[in-house]
Amino acid sequence: ITLHPFHTESGGGKQQTQCFNVPNGPSRVVLDNIKSCPDWVMGNAKGAGYYVARYDSVLREQLRQRAPGLPAPEAIALLSDASLLTESGLQSVEDTLNMVAAHLSHQNPVVQQAALDWLKTIRLDWLNPAQQQVYTQLLRDKVVPLAKQLTWLDQATDSEAMRRLRETALPLSADRGGDSALRQQAAALARAWLGKRDAISAGMAKAVLM
């Protein structure tokens, strides 16, 4: 028996968390103190559960629309579940690409990192031509602008999460994103690094030398 917390929100922005046990096999659960159908239901409040929540198409779309504003642990859990379901053939690549795009609009760099990690690790030869086109367009529309905003060079005010985000977003944009401007910048930084090893941070050296 696993404890499943559900996070719901109804009209007026009122949210509540409800916990209950789900036995093996099909079951139904009545949500307490809900007078009408909630606007959305999150099957893993605070991302604390060790299970995969699988949503129907309506619930998944409701969560996708709200993903940029979800608390970071819940947003990461939502994307992690989508990734596992896609690998298992239980969710389409298109649905997960749409979920990834929503997570890239989140303001937390850890959530953005989770989205970039999926884009970085997915094997392109697993995608059909239409899916590859969606993937490439997502890189151009979302990831390349993020990379250009971050730039290749670390900032003194960067958090560890921000540095890691930069180390993923920049090479992904220059390589799979095919952005010529970022490639030219990388080449210039590589030449600078050859002359002076501290011209760029150690974390970015491998990226610009690729």
C-alpha atoms as a PDB file:
ATOM      1  CA  ILE A   1       0.000   0.000   0.000  1.00  0.00           C
ATOM      2  CA  THR A   2       1.409   3.337  -1.024  1.00  0.00           C
ATOM      3  CA  LEU A   3       0.425   6.695   0.381  1.00  0.00           C
ATOM      4  CA  HIS A   4      -0.711   8.921  -2.485  1.00  0.00           C
ATOM      5  CA  PRO A   5      -1.094  12.653  -1.772  1.00  0.00           C
ATOM      6  CA  PHE A   6      -3.215  14.559  -4.287  1.00  0.00           C
ATOM      7  CA  HIS A   7      -2.855  18.307  -4.751  1.00  0.00           C
ATOM      8  CA  THR A   8      -5.936  20.029  -6.150  1.00  0.00           C
ATOM      9  CA  GLU A   9      -6.995  23.557  -6.971  1.00  0.00           C
ATOM     10  CA  SER A  10     -10.509  24.809  -7.581  1.00  0.00           C
ATOM     11  CA  GLY A  11     -11.990  28.186  -8.491  1.00  0.00           C
ATOM     12  CA  GLY A  12     -10.614  31.149  -6.580  1.00  0.00           C
ATOM     13  CA  GLY A  13      -7.145  29.672  -6.285  1.00  0.00           C
ATOM     14  CA  LYS A  14      -7.942  27.643  -3.153  1.00  0.00           C
ATOM     15  CA  GLN A  15      -5.697  24.623  -2.886  1.00  0.00           C
ATOM     16  CA  GLN A  16      -5.821  21.600  -0.636  1.00  0.00           C
ATOM     17  CA  THR A  17      -3.796  18.451  -0.158  1.00  0.00           C
ATOM     18  CA  GLN A  18      -5.434  15.124   0.544  1.00  0.00           C
ATOM     19  CA  CYS A  19      -3.769  11.833   1.426  1.00  0.00           C
ATOM     20  CA  PHE A  20      -5.206   8.344   1.028  1.00  0.00           C
ATOM     21  CA  ASN A  21      -4.183   4.760   0.403  1.00  0.00           C
ATOM     22  CA  VAL A  22      -4.563   3.166  -3.019  1.00  0.00           C
ATOM     23  CA  PRO A  23      -4.861  -0.653  -2.940  1.00  0.00           C
ATOM     24  CA  ASN A  24      -3.843  -2.988  -5.742  1.00  0.00           C
ATOM     25  CA  GLY A  25      -6.271  -2.975  -8.635  1.00  0.00           C
ATOM     26  CA  PRO A  26      -8.792  -0.346  -9.762  1.00  0.00           C
ATOM     27  CA  SER A  27     -10.286   1.921  -7.106  1.00  0.00           C
ATOM     28  CA  ARG A  28     -12.091   5.222  -6.749  1.00  0.00           C
ATOM     29  CA  VAL A  29     -11.394   7.948  -4.235  1.00  0.00           C
ATOM     30  CA  VAL A  30     -13.753  10.722  -3.180  1.00  0.00           C
ATOM     31  CA  LEU A  31     -12.023  14.094  -2.794  1.00  0.00           C
ATOM     32  CA  ASP A  32     -13.005  15.733   0.487  1.00  0.00           C
ATOM     33  CA  ASN A  33     -14.572  19.193   0.708  1.00  0.00           C
ATOM     34  CA  ILE A  34     -14.800  19.595  -3.068  1.00  0.00           C
ATOM     35  CA  LYS A  35     -18.095  21.080  -4.232  1.00  0.00           C
ATOM     36  CA  SER A  36     -17.255  21.037  -7.924  1.00  0.00           C
ATOM     37  CA  CYS A  37     -14.748  19.389 -10.242  1.00  0.00           C
ATOM     38  CA  PRO A  38     -11.264  20.793  -9.445  1.00  0.00           C
ATOM     39  CA  ASP A  39      -9.445  22.769 -12.108  1.00  0.00           C
ATOM     40  CA  TRP A  40      -6.524  20.356 -11.875  1.00  0.00           C
ATOM     41  CA  VAL A  41      -5.229  17.442  -9.844  1.00  0.00           C
ATOM     42  CA  MET A  42      -1.565  16.796  -9.073  1.00  0.00           C
ATOM     43  CA  GLY A  43      -0.913  13.177  -8.175  1.00  0.00           C
ATOM     44  CA  ASN A  44       2.299  13.755  -6.234  1.00  0.00           C
ATOM     45  CA  ALA A  45       2.092  16.681  -3.828  1.00  0.00           C
ATOM     46  CA  LYS A  46       5.537  18.170  -3.106  1.00  0.00           C
ATOM     47  CA  GLY A  47       7.054  15.497  -5.351  1.00  0.00           C
ATOM     48  CA  ALA A  48       7.469  13.334  -2.267  1.00  0.00           C
ATOM     49  CA  GLY A  49       6.039  10.051  -3.545  1.00  0.00           C
ATOM     50  CA  TYR A  50       8.072   7.134  -4.889  1.00  0.00           C
ATOM     51  CA  TYR A  51       5.689   6.221  -7.674  1.00  0.00           C
ATOM     52  CA  VAL A  52       4.692   7.306 -11.164  1.00  0.00           C
ATOM     53  CA  ALA A  53       1.445   9.233 -11.623  1.00  0.00           C
ATOM     54  CA  ARG A  54      -0.196   8.556 -14.976  1.00  0.00           C
ATOM     55  CA  TYR A  55      -2.807  11.108 -16.099  1.00  0.00           C
ATOM     56  CA  ASP A  56      -5.444  10.953 -18.773  1.00  0.00           C
ATOM     57  CA  SER A  57      -5.134  13.439 -21.624  1.00  0.00           C
ATOM     58  CA  VAL A  58      -7.369  16.071 -19.978  1.00  0.00           C
ATOM     59  CA  LEU A  59      -5.555  16.063 -16.623  1.00  0.00           C
ATOM     60  CA  ARG A  60      -2.176  15.991 -18.356  1.00  0.00           C
ATOM     61  CA  GLU A  61      -3.035  19.063 -20.425  1.00  0.00           C
ATOM     62  CA  GLN A  62      -4.314  20.907 -17.347  1.00  0.00           C
ATOM     63  CA  LEU A  63      -1.030  20.217 -15.581  1.00  0.00           C
ATOM     64  CA  ARG A  64       1.026  21.123 -18.649  1.00  0.00           C
ATOM     65  CA  GLN A  65      -0.606  24.549 -18.724  1.00  0.00           C
ATOM     66  CA  ARG A  66       0.165  25.065 -15.046  1.00  0.00           C
ATOM     67  CA  ALA A  67       3.655  23.555 -15.058  1.00  0.00           C
ATOM     68  CA  PRO A  68       5.485  26.933 -15.194  1.00  0.00           C
ATOM     69  CA  GLY A  69       3.811  27.951 -11.921  1.00  0.00           C
ATOM     70  CA  LEU A  70       3.961  24.677  -9.994  1.00  0.00           C
ATOM     71  CA  PRO A  71       6.277  24.423  -6.980  1.00  0.00           C
ATOM     72  CA  ALA A  72       9.655  23.158  -8.171  1.00  0.00           C
ATOM     73  CA  PRO A  73       9.426  19.682  -6.544  1.00  0.00           C
ATOM     74  CA  GLU A  74       6.023  19.071  -8.136  1.00  0.00           C
ATOM     75  CA  ALA A  75       7.129  20.350 -11.535  1.00  0.00           C
ATOM     76  CA  ILE A  76      10.181  18.074 -11.488  1.00  0.00           C
ATOM     77  CA  ALA A  77       8.073  15.080 -10.406  1.00  0.00           C
ATOM     78  CA  LEU A  78       5.616  15.781 -13.229  1.00  0.00           C
ATOM     79  CA  LEU A  79       8.383  15.843 -15.833  1.00  0.00           C
ATOM     80  CA  SER A  80      10.102  12.802 -14.368  1.00  0.00           C
ATOM     81  CA  ASP A  81       6.874  10.818 -14.588  1.00  0.00           C
ATOM     82  CA  ALA A  82       6.354  11.947 -18.186  1.00  0.00           C
ATOM     83  CA  SER A  83       9.863  10.832 -19.090  1.00  0.00           C
ATOM     84  CA  LEU A  84       9.418   7.380 -17.542  1.00  0.00           C
ATOM     85  CA  LEU A  85       6.031   6.916 -19.195  1.00  0.00           C
ATOM     86  CA  THR A  86       7.500   7.842 -22.573  1.00  0.00           C
ATOM     87  CA  GLU A  87      10.360   5.361 -22.156  1.00  0.00           C
ATOM     88  CA  SER A  88       7.756   2.703 -21.306  1.00  0.00           C
ATOM     89  CA  GLY A  89       5.644   3.506 -24.363  1.00  0.00           C
ATOM     90  CA  LEU A  90       2.734   4.690 -22.213  1.00  0.00           C
ATOM     91  CA  GLN A  91       2.951   8.338 -23.267  1.00  0.00           C
ATOM     92  CA  SER A  92       3.758   9.806 -26.655  1.00  0.00           C
ATOM     93  CA  VAL A  93       6.977  11.654 -27.380  1.00  0.00           C
ATOM     94  CA  GLU A  94       4.888  14.597 -28.600  1.00  0.00           C
ATOM     95  CA  ASP A  95       3.135  14.891 -25.232  1.00  0.00           C
ATOM     96  CA  THR A  96       6.444  14.837 -23.394  1.00  0.00           C
ATOM     97  CA  LEU A  97       7.990  17.417 -25.730  1.00  0.00           C
ATOM     98  CA  ASN A  98       5.044  19.701 -24.936  1.00  0.00           C
ATOM     99  CA  MET A  99       5.609  19.080 -21.229  1.00  0.00           C
ATOM    100  CA  VAL A 100       9.316  19.855 -21.579  1.00  0.00           C
ATOM    101  CA  ALA A 101       8.498  23.134 -23.338  1.00  0.00           C
ATOM    102  CA  ALA A 102       6.244  24.153 -20.450  1.00  0.00           C
ATOM    103  CA  HIS A 103       8.961  23.357 -17.913  1.00  0.00           C
ATOM    104  CA  LEU A 104      11.464  25.511 -19.785  1.00  0.00           C
ATOM    105  CA  SER A 105       9.169  28.465 -18.990  1.00  0.00           C
ATOM    106  CA  HIS A 106       9.520  27.802 -15.251  1.00  0.00           C
ATOM    107  CA  GLN A 107      11.557  30.408 -13.350  1.00  0.00           C
ATOM    108  CA  ASN A 108      13.461  27.867 -11.232  1.00  0.00           C
ATOM    109  CA  PRO A 109      16.783  26.832 -12.846  1.00  0.00           C
ATOM    110  CA  VAL A 110      16.510  23.350 -11.318  1.00  0.00           C
ATOM    111  CA  VAL A 111      13.229  22.788 -13.164  1.00  0.00           C
ATOM    112  CA  GLN A 112      14.726  24.171 -16.373  1.00  0.00           C
ATOM    113  CA  GLN A 113      17.678  21.836 -15.862  1.00  0.00           C
ATOM    114  CA  ALA A 114      15.378  18.817 -15.657  1.00  0.00           C
ATOM    115  CA  ALA A 115      13.857  19.825 -18.999  1.00  0.00           C
ATOM    116  CA  LEU A 116      17.279  20.306 -20.602  1.00  0.00           C
ATOM    117  CA  ASP A 117      18.495  16.953 -19.298  1.00  0.00           C
ATOM    118  CA  TRP A 118      15.615  15.229 -21.095  1.00  0.00           C
ATOM    119  CA  LEU A 119      16.397  17.066 -24.341  1.00  0.00           C
ATOM    120  CA  LYS A 120      20.079  16.259 -23.990  1.00  0.00           C
ATOM    121  CA  THR A 121      19.705  12.548 -23.302  1.00  0.00           C
ATOM    122  CA  ILE A 122      16.911  11.609 -25.722  1.00  0.00           C
ATOM    123  CA  ARG A 123      18.301   9.670 -28.676  1.00  0.00           C
ATOM    124  CA  LEU A 124      17.430  11.464 -31.878  1.00  0.00           C
ATOM    125  CA  ASP A 125      17.431   8.215 -33.853  1.00  0.00           C
ATOM    126  CA  TRP A 126      14.450   7.132 -31.755  1.00  0.00           C
ATOM    127  CA  LEU A 127      12.395  10.034 -33.128  1.00  0.00           C
ATOM    128  CA  ASN A 128      10.526   9.919 -36.390  1.00  0.00           C
ATOM    129  CA  PRO A 129      10.941  12.868 -38.823  1.00  0.00           C
ATOM    130  CA  ALA A 130       7.903  14.725 -37.467  1.00  0.00           C
ATOM    131  CA  GLN A 131       9.107  14.337 -33.870  1.00  0.00           C
ATOM    132  CA  GLN A 132      12.602  15.454 -34.830  1.00  0.00           C
ATOM    133  CA  GLN A 133      11.113  18.579 -36.355  1.00  0.00           C
ATOM    134  CA  VAL A 134       9.220  19.355 -33.142  1.00  0.00           C
ATOM    135  CA  TYR A 135      12.379  18.686 -31.135  1.00  0.00           C
ATOM    136  CA  THR A 136      14.475  21.011 -33.296  1.00  0.00           C
ATOM    137  CA  GLN A 137      11.853  23.750 -33.178  1.00  0.00           C
ATOM    138  CA  LEU A 138      11.715  23.497 -29.395  1.00  0.00           C
ATOM    139  CA  LEU A 139      15.471  23.989 -29.211  1.00  0.00           C
ATOM    140  CA  ARG A 140      15.277  27.048 -31.453  1.00  0.00           C
ATOM    141  CA  ASP A 141      12.267  28.603 -29.724  1.00  0.00           C
ATOM    142  CA  LYS A 142      13.115  27.879 -26.088  1.00  0.00           C
ATOM    143  CA  VAL A 143      16.623  26.589 -25.473  1.00  0.00           C
ATOM    144  CA  VAL A 144      18.700  28.813 -27.766  1.00  0.00           C
ATOM    145  CA  PRO A 145      17.160  32.049 -26.380  1.00  0.00           C
ATOM    146  CA  LEU A 146      17.823  30.771 -22.855  1.00  0.00           C
ATOM    147  CA  ALA A 147      21.424  29.963 -23.754  1.00  0.00           C
ATOM    148  CA  LYS A 148      21.997  33.407 -25.246  1.00  0.00           C
ATOM    149  CA  GLN A 149      20.572  34.977 -22.123  1.00  0.00           C
ATOM    150  CA  LEU A 150      22.952  32.953 -19.944  1.00  0.00           C
ATOM    151  CA  THR A 151      26.050  33.446 -22.194  1.00  0.00           C
ATOM    152  CA  TRP A 152      29.147  31.211 -22.146  1.00  0.00           C
ATOM    153  CA  LEU A 153      30.822  33.057 -19.274  1.00  0.00           C
ATOM    154  CA  ASP A 154      30.056  32.482 -15.603  1.00  0.00           C
ATOM    155  CA  GLN A 155      28.854  35.381 -13.504  1.00  0.00           C
ATOM    156  CA  ALA A 156      30.024  36.114  -9.977  1.00  0.00           C
ATOM    157  CA  THR A 157      26.439  35.984  -8.722  1.00  0.00           C
ATOM    158  CA  ASP A 158      25.682  32.570 -10.244  1.00  0.00           C
ATOM    159  CA  SER A 159      24.324  29.848  -8.017  1.00  0.00           C
ATOM    160  CA  GLU A 160      25.476  26.269  -8.532  1.00  0.00           C
ATOM    161  CA  ALA A 161      22.152  25.534 -10.229  1.00  0.00           C
ATOM    162  CA  MET A 162      22.670  28.431 -12.621  1.00  0.00           C
ATOM    163  CA  ARG A 163      26.193  27.311 -13.509  1.00  0.00           C
ATOM    164  CA  ARG A 164      24.962  23.808 -14.221  1.00  0.00           C
ATOM    165  CA  LEU A 165      22.155  25.207 -16.340  1.00  0.00           C
ATOM    166  CA  ARG A 166      24.659  27.192 -18.395  1.00  0.00           C
ATOM    167  CA  GLU A 167      26.920  24.157 -18.850  1.00  0.00           C
ATOM    168  CA  THR A 168      23.977  22.244 -20.337  1.00  0.00           C
ATOM    169  CA  ALA A 169      22.099  24.929 -22.271  1.00  0.00           C
ATOM    170  CA  LEU A 170      25.059  26.414 -24.163  1.00  0.00           C
ATOM    171  CA  PRO A 171      26.580  23.271 -25.713  1.00  0.00           C
ATOM    172  CA  LEU A 172      23.110  21.843 -26.404  1.00  0.00           C
ATOM    173  CA  SER A 173      22.164  25.012 -28.281  1.00  0.00           C
ATOM    174  CA  ALA A 174      25.429  25.158 -30.204  1.00  0.00           C
ATOM    175  CA  ASP A 175      25.393  21.450 -31.069  1.00  0.00           C
ATOM    176  CA  ARG A 176      21.859  20.107 -31.492  1.00  0.00           C
ATOM    177  CA  GLY A 177      20.391  23.595 -31.749  1.00  0.00           C
ATOM    178  CA  GLY A 178      22.837  24.409 -34.541  1.00  0.00           C
ATOM    179  CA  ASP A 179      23.123  28.080 -33.573  1.00  0.00           C
ATOM    180  CA  SER A 180      25.984  29.554 -35.615  1.00  0.00           C
ATOM    181  CA  ALA A 181      26.505  32.584 -33.375  1.00  0.00           C
ATOM    182  CA  LEU A 182      26.988  30.406 -30.287  1.00  0.00           C
ATOM    183  CA  ARG A 183      29.370  28.158 -32.246  1.00  0.00           C
ATOM    184  CA  GLN A 184      31.470  31.139 -33.283  1.00  0.00           C
ATOM    185  CA  GLN A 185      31.583  32.363 -29.692  1.00  0.00           C
ATOM    186  CA  ALA A 186      32.658  28.896 -28.534  1.00  0.00           C
ATOM    187  CA  ALA A 187      35.460  28.825 -31.110  1.00  0.00           C
ATOM    188  CA  ALA A 188      36.722  32.230 -29.959  1.00  0.00           C
ATOM    189  CA  LEU A 189      36.640  31.129 -26.318  1.00  0.00           C
ATOM    190  CA  ALA A 190      38.464  27.914 -27.204  1.00  0.00           C
ATOM    191  CA  ARG A 191      41.274  29.938 -28.803  1.00  0.00           C
ATOM    192  CA  ALA A 192      41.372  32.174 -25.725  1.00  0.00           C
ATOM    193  CA  TRP A 193      41.563  29.099 -23.483  1.00  0.00           C
ATOM    194  CA  LEU A 194      44.521  27.732 -25.477  1.00  0.00           C
ATOM    195  CA  GLY A 195      46.410  30.923 -24.661  1.00  0.00           C
ATOM    196  CA  LYS A 196      45.215  31.333 -21.111  1.00  0.00           C
ATOM    197  CA  ARG A 197      43.707  28.476 -19.157  1.00  0.00           C
ATOM    198  CA  ASP A 198      41.603  30.701 -16.893  1.00  0.00           C
ATOM    199  CA  ALA A 199      39.973  32.513 -19.819  1.00  0.00           C
ATOM    200  CA  ILE A 200      36.862  30.421 -19.154  1.00  0.00           C
ATOM    201  CA  SER A 201      35.673  28.366 -16.226  1.00  0.00           C
ATOM    202  CA  ALA A 202      36.721  24.729 -15.938  1.00  0.00           C
ATOM    203  CA  GLY A 203      33.108  23.670 -16.255  1.00  0.00           C
ATOM    204  CA  MET A 204      32.776  25.307 -19.687  1.00  0.00           C
ATOM    205  CA  ALA A 205      36.164  24.322 -21.111  1.00  0.00           C
ATOM    206  CA  LYS A 206      34.995  20.959 -22.434  1.00  0.00           C
ATOM    207  CA  ALA A 207      31.930  22.554 -24.017  1.00  0.00           C
ATOM    208  CA  VAL A 208      33.821  25.172 -26.010  1.00  0.00           C
ATOM    209  CA  LEU A 209      36.486  22.700 -27.099  1.00  0.00           C
ATOM    210  CA  MET A 210      34.003  20.214 -28.563  1.00  0.00           C
END
